[in-house]
């Protein structure tokens, strides 16, 4: 378990609502594993990398990302495109 991880919701959560978490918000690397959640919109694979998200979603979630992700984001976006 990682300490200090914050979880937020885009809307109010009512008792009995199903909730999920996007693991990509708190990690980067090449980790991936099968997902067995059974949700209709599930891709069937959990990808543990913030940088596997499209650029628009990365920008949307950046203010909520942990400091180590924000630092890596700044480092990666400072590099020329050919080096990313």
N, C-alpha and C. Protein backbone atom coordinates (compact mmCIF):
# COMPACT_ATOMS: atom_id res chain seq x y z
N UNK A 1 0.85 -1.19 0.00
CA UNK A 1 0.00 0.00 0.00
C UNK A 1 0.89 1.24 0.00
N UNK A 2 0.55 2.19 -0.83
CA UNK A 2 1.29 3.43 -0.89
C UNK A 2 0.65 4.42 0.08
N UNK A 3 1.45 5.06 0.88
CA UNK A 3 0.93 6.05 1.82
C UNK A 3 0.92 7.42 1.17
N UNK A 4 -0.05 8.22 1.48
CA UNK A 4 -0.12 9.57 0.97
C UNK A 4 -0.85 9.71 -0.36
N UNK A 5 -1.35 8.62 -0.91
CA UNK A 5 -2.09 8.69 -2.16
C UNK A 5 -3.46 9.31 -1.88
N UNK A 6 -3.83 10.27 -2.68
CA UNK A 6 -5.13 10.92 -2.53
C UNK A 6 -6.06 10.43 -3.64
N UNK A 7 -7.30 10.23 -3.29
CA UNK A 7 -8.31 9.81 -4.25
C UNK A 7 -9.39 10.88 -4.25
N UNK A 8 -9.84 11.28 -5.44
CA UNK A 8 -10.89 12.28 -5.55
C UNK A 8 -11.95 11.78 -6.51
N UNK A 9 -13.11 12.41 -6.45
CA UNK A 9 -14.22 12.00 -7.31
C UNK A 9 -14.65 13.19 -8.17
N UNK A 10 -15.09 12.90 -9.38
CA UNK A 10 -15.58 13.94 -10.29
C UNK A 10 -16.99 14.37 -9.92
N UNK A 11 -17.71 13.55 -9.13
CA UNK A 11 -19.08 13.86 -8.73
C UNK A 11 -19.34 13.29 -7.35
N UNK A 12 -20.47 13.65 -6.76
CA UNK A 12 -20.87 13.08 -5.47
C UNK A 12 -21.04 11.57 -5.62
N UNK A 13 -20.65 10.84 -4.61
CA UNK A 13 -20.80 9.38 -4.62
C UNK A 13 -21.87 9.02 -3.60
N UNK A 14 -22.89 8.36 -4.09
CA UNK A 14 -23.99 7.93 -3.22
C UNK A 14 -23.71 6.54 -2.67
N UNK A 15 -24.30 6.24 -1.54
CA UNK A 15 -24.16 4.91 -0.97
C UNK A 15 -24.62 3.87 -1.98
N UNK A 16 -23.82 2.84 -2.17
CA UNK A 16 -24.14 1.78 -3.12
C UNK A 16 -23.59 2.01 -4.51
N UNK A 17 -23.07 3.22 -4.82
CA UNK A 17 -22.47 3.48 -6.13
C UNK A 17 -21.20 2.67 -6.29
N UNK A 18 -20.97 2.18 -7.50
CA UNK A 18 -19.72 1.50 -7.82
C UNK A 18 -18.66 2.57 -8.08
N UNK A 19 -17.49 2.37 -7.54
CA UNK A 19 -16.40 3.31 -7.78
C UNK A 19 -15.20 2.55 -8.34
N UNK A 20 -14.40 3.24 -9.11
CA UNK A 20 -13.16 2.67 -9.65
C UNK A 20 -12.05 3.69 -9.46
N UNK A 21 -10.84 3.25 -9.63
CA UNK A 21 -9.69 4.14 -9.57
C UNK A 21 -8.85 3.90 -10.81
N UNK A 22 -8.31 4.94 -11.35
CA UNK A 22 -7.41 4.83 -12.50
C UNK A 22 -5.99 4.73 -11.95
N UNK A 23 -5.43 3.53 -11.97
CA UNK A 23 -4.11 3.30 -11.40
C UNK A 23 -3.03 4.10 -12.11
N UNK A 24 -3.30 4.54 -13.31
CA UNK A 24 -2.28 5.28 -14.06
C UNK A 24 -1.94 6.60 -13.40
N UNK A 25 -2.83 7.14 -12.58
CA UNK A 25 -2.59 8.44 -11.96
C UNK A 25 -1.42 8.40 -10.99
N UNK A 26 -1.09 7.25 -10.46
CA UNK A 26 -0.08 7.16 -9.41
C UNK A 26 1.17 6.37 -9.77
N UNK A 27 1.40 6.12 -11.05
CA UNK A 27 2.55 5.28 -11.40
C UNK A 27 3.03 5.57 -12.81
N UNK A 28 4.27 5.24 -13.05
CA UNK A 28 4.75 5.19 -14.42
C UNK A 28 5.77 4.08 -14.53
N UNK A 29 5.80 3.47 -15.66
CA UNK A 29 6.65 2.32 -15.91
C UNK A 29 5.99 1.48 -16.98
N UNK A 30 6.37 0.24 -17.04
CA UNK A 30 5.81 -0.64 -18.06
C UNK A 30 4.93 -1.73 -17.47
N UNK A 31 4.46 -1.55 -16.25
CA UNK A 31 3.63 -2.56 -15.61
C UNK A 31 2.25 -2.62 -16.25
N UNK A 32 1.77 -3.83 -16.49
CA UNK A 32 0.41 -4.06 -16.99
C UNK A 32 -0.02 -5.42 -16.46
N UNK A 33 -1.30 -5.56 -16.17
CA UNK A 33 -1.81 -6.83 -15.68
C UNK A 33 -3.27 -6.97 -16.08
N UNK A 34 -3.77 -8.19 -16.14
CA UNK A 34 -5.16 -8.41 -16.54
C UNK A 34 -6.14 -7.82 -15.51
N UNK A 35 -7.22 -7.26 -16.01
CA UNK A 35 -8.27 -6.74 -15.15
C UNK A 35 -9.47 -7.69 -15.23
N UNK A 36 -10.05 -7.97 -14.11
CA UNK A 36 -11.19 -8.88 -14.05
C UNK A 36 -12.41 -8.19 -13.46
N UNK A 37 -12.50 -6.87 -13.62
CA UNK A 37 -13.59 -6.13 -12.98
C UNK A 37 -14.95 -6.42 -13.63
N UNK A 38 -14.94 -6.74 -14.92
CA UNK A 38 -16.19 -7.07 -15.60
C UNK A 38 -17.00 -5.87 -16.06
N UNK A 39 -16.50 -4.65 -15.87
CA UNK A 39 -17.23 -3.46 -16.32
C UNK A 39 -17.29 -3.42 -17.84
N UNK A 40 -18.41 -2.96 -18.36
CA UNK A 40 -18.61 -2.92 -19.82
C UNK A 40 -17.54 -2.09 -20.54
N UNK A 41 -17.10 -1.01 -19.92
CA UNK A 41 -16.13 -0.12 -20.56
C UNK A 41 -14.68 -0.52 -20.29
N UNK A 42 -14.47 -1.60 -19.57
CA UNK A 42 -13.11 -2.02 -19.21
C UNK A 42 -12.38 -2.55 -20.44
N UNK A 43 -11.10 -2.18 -20.56
CA UNK A 43 -10.27 -2.67 -21.67
C UNK A 43 -9.77 -4.09 -21.42
N UNK A 44 -9.90 -4.57 -20.19
CA UNK A 44 -9.41 -5.89 -19.84
C UNK A 44 -7.97 -5.92 -19.37
N UNK A 45 -7.32 -4.76 -19.41
CA UNK A 45 -5.92 -4.66 -18.98
C UNK A 45 -5.76 -3.41 -18.12
N UNK A 46 -5.07 -3.57 -17.01
CA UNK A 46 -4.69 -2.42 -16.19
C UNK A 46 -3.28 -2.05 -16.60
N UNK A 47 -3.09 -0.78 -16.97
CA UNK A 47 -1.78 -0.28 -17.35
C UNK A 47 -1.34 0.69 -16.27
N UNK A 48 -0.26 0.37 -15.61
CA UNK A 48 0.20 1.17 -14.48
C UNK A 48 1.11 2.29 -14.87
N UNK A 49 0.71 3.13 -15.81
CA UNK A 49 1.56 4.24 -16.22
C UNK A 49 0.75 5.48 -16.57
N UNK A 50 0.99 6.54 -15.85
CA UNK A 50 0.37 7.83 -16.13
C UNK A 50 0.60 8.23 -17.59
N UNK A 51 1.78 7.91 -18.10
CA UNK A 51 2.17 8.34 -19.43
C UNK A 51 1.61 7.46 -20.53
N UNK A 52 0.84 6.44 -20.17
CA UNK A 52 0.11 5.64 -21.16
C UNK A 52 -1.20 6.33 -21.55
N UNK A 53 -1.60 7.33 -20.78
CA UNK A 53 -2.82 8.09 -21.10
C UNK A 53 -2.53 9.05 -22.25
N UNK A 54 -3.57 9.42 -22.98
CA UNK A 54 -3.37 10.41 -24.03
C UNK A 54 -3.02 11.76 -23.40
N UNK A 55 -2.40 12.62 -24.18
CA UNK A 55 -1.88 13.90 -23.68
C UNK A 55 -2.97 14.77 -23.05
N UNK A 56 -4.17 14.75 -23.62
CA UNK A 56 -5.26 15.56 -23.07
C UNK A 56 -5.63 15.11 -21.66
N UNK A 57 -5.73 13.79 -21.45
CA UNK A 57 -6.08 13.26 -20.12
C UNK A 57 -4.94 13.52 -19.13
N UNK A 58 -3.70 13.41 -19.58
CA UNK A 58 -2.57 13.73 -18.70
C UNK A 58 -2.68 15.17 -18.19
N UNK A 59 -2.95 16.09 -19.10
CA UNK A 59 -3.06 17.50 -18.72
C UNK A 59 -4.23 17.73 -17.76
N UNK A 60 -5.34 17.05 -17.99
CA UNK A 60 -6.51 17.18 -17.12
C UNK A 60 -6.21 16.71 -15.70
N UNK A 61 -5.50 15.60 -15.59
CA UNK A 61 -5.25 15.00 -14.28
C UNK A 61 -3.98 15.51 -13.59
N UNK A 62 -3.13 16.21 -14.31
CA UNK A 62 -1.86 16.65 -13.76
C UNK A 62 -1.99 17.37 -12.41
N UNK A 63 -2.94 18.28 -12.22
CA UNK A 63 -3.03 18.95 -10.91
C UNK A 63 -3.31 17.99 -9.76
N UNK A 64 -3.84 16.82 -10.06
CA UNK A 64 -4.19 15.84 -9.02
C UNK A 64 -3.14 14.75 -8.87
N UNK A 65 -2.15 14.75 -9.72
CA UNK A 65 -1.12 13.71 -9.71
C UNK A 65 -0.14 13.95 -8.56
N UNK A 66 0.46 12.88 -8.06
CA UNK A 66 1.48 13.03 -7.02
C UNK A 66 2.68 13.81 -7.54
N UNK A 67 3.46 14.35 -6.62
CA UNK A 67 4.61 15.19 -6.98
C UNK A 67 5.59 14.47 -7.91
N UNK A 68 5.85 13.18 -7.70
CA UNK A 68 6.82 12.48 -8.55
C UNK A 68 6.32 12.39 -9.99
N UNK A 69 5.01 12.31 -10.19
CA UNK A 69 4.45 12.30 -11.55
C UNK A 69 4.57 13.69 -12.17
N UNK A 70 4.25 14.72 -11.40
CA UNK A 70 4.36 16.10 -11.92
C UNK A 70 5.80 16.42 -12.33
N UNK A 71 6.76 15.98 -11.52
CA UNK A 71 8.18 16.20 -11.87
C UNK A 71 8.53 15.48 -13.16
N UNK A 72 8.11 14.22 -13.29
CA UNK A 72 8.42 13.45 -14.50
C UNK A 72 7.71 14.05 -15.72
N UNK A 73 6.49 14.54 -15.54
CA UNK A 73 5.74 15.19 -16.62
C UNK A 73 6.52 16.41 -17.12
N UNK A 74 6.97 17.24 -16.18
CA UNK A 74 7.74 18.44 -16.56
C UNK A 74 9.04 18.04 -17.28
N UNK A 75 9.70 17.00 -16.77
CA UNK A 75 10.94 16.54 -17.40
C UNK A 75 10.67 16.07 -18.82
N UNK A 76 9.62 15.27 -18.98
CA UNK A 76 9.32 14.72 -20.31
C UNK A 76 8.85 15.79 -21.29
N UNK A 77 8.07 16.74 -20.83
CA UNK A 77 7.57 17.77 -21.75
C UNK A 77 8.65 18.80 -22.07
N UNK A 78 9.72 18.85 -21.30
CA UNK A 78 10.83 19.76 -21.60
C UNK A 78 11.75 19.17 -22.66
N UNK A 79 11.69 17.86 -22.86
CA UNK A 79 12.54 17.21 -23.86
C UNK A 79 12.00 17.47 -25.27
N UNK A 80 12.88 17.56 -26.25
CA UNK A 80 12.40 17.64 -27.64
C UNK A 80 11.60 16.38 -27.97
N UNK A 81 10.64 16.49 -28.85
CA UNK A 81 9.74 15.37 -29.19
C UNK A 81 10.51 14.11 -29.58
N UNK A 82 11.62 14.24 -30.27
CA UNK A 82 12.38 13.09 -30.73
C UNK A 82 13.00 12.30 -29.57
N UNK A 83 13.16 12.94 -28.41
CA UNK A 83 13.79 12.29 -27.25
C UNK A 83 12.79 11.73 -26.27
N UNK A 84 11.48 11.98 -26.46
CA UNK A 84 10.46 11.51 -25.51
C UNK A 84 10.19 10.04 -25.65
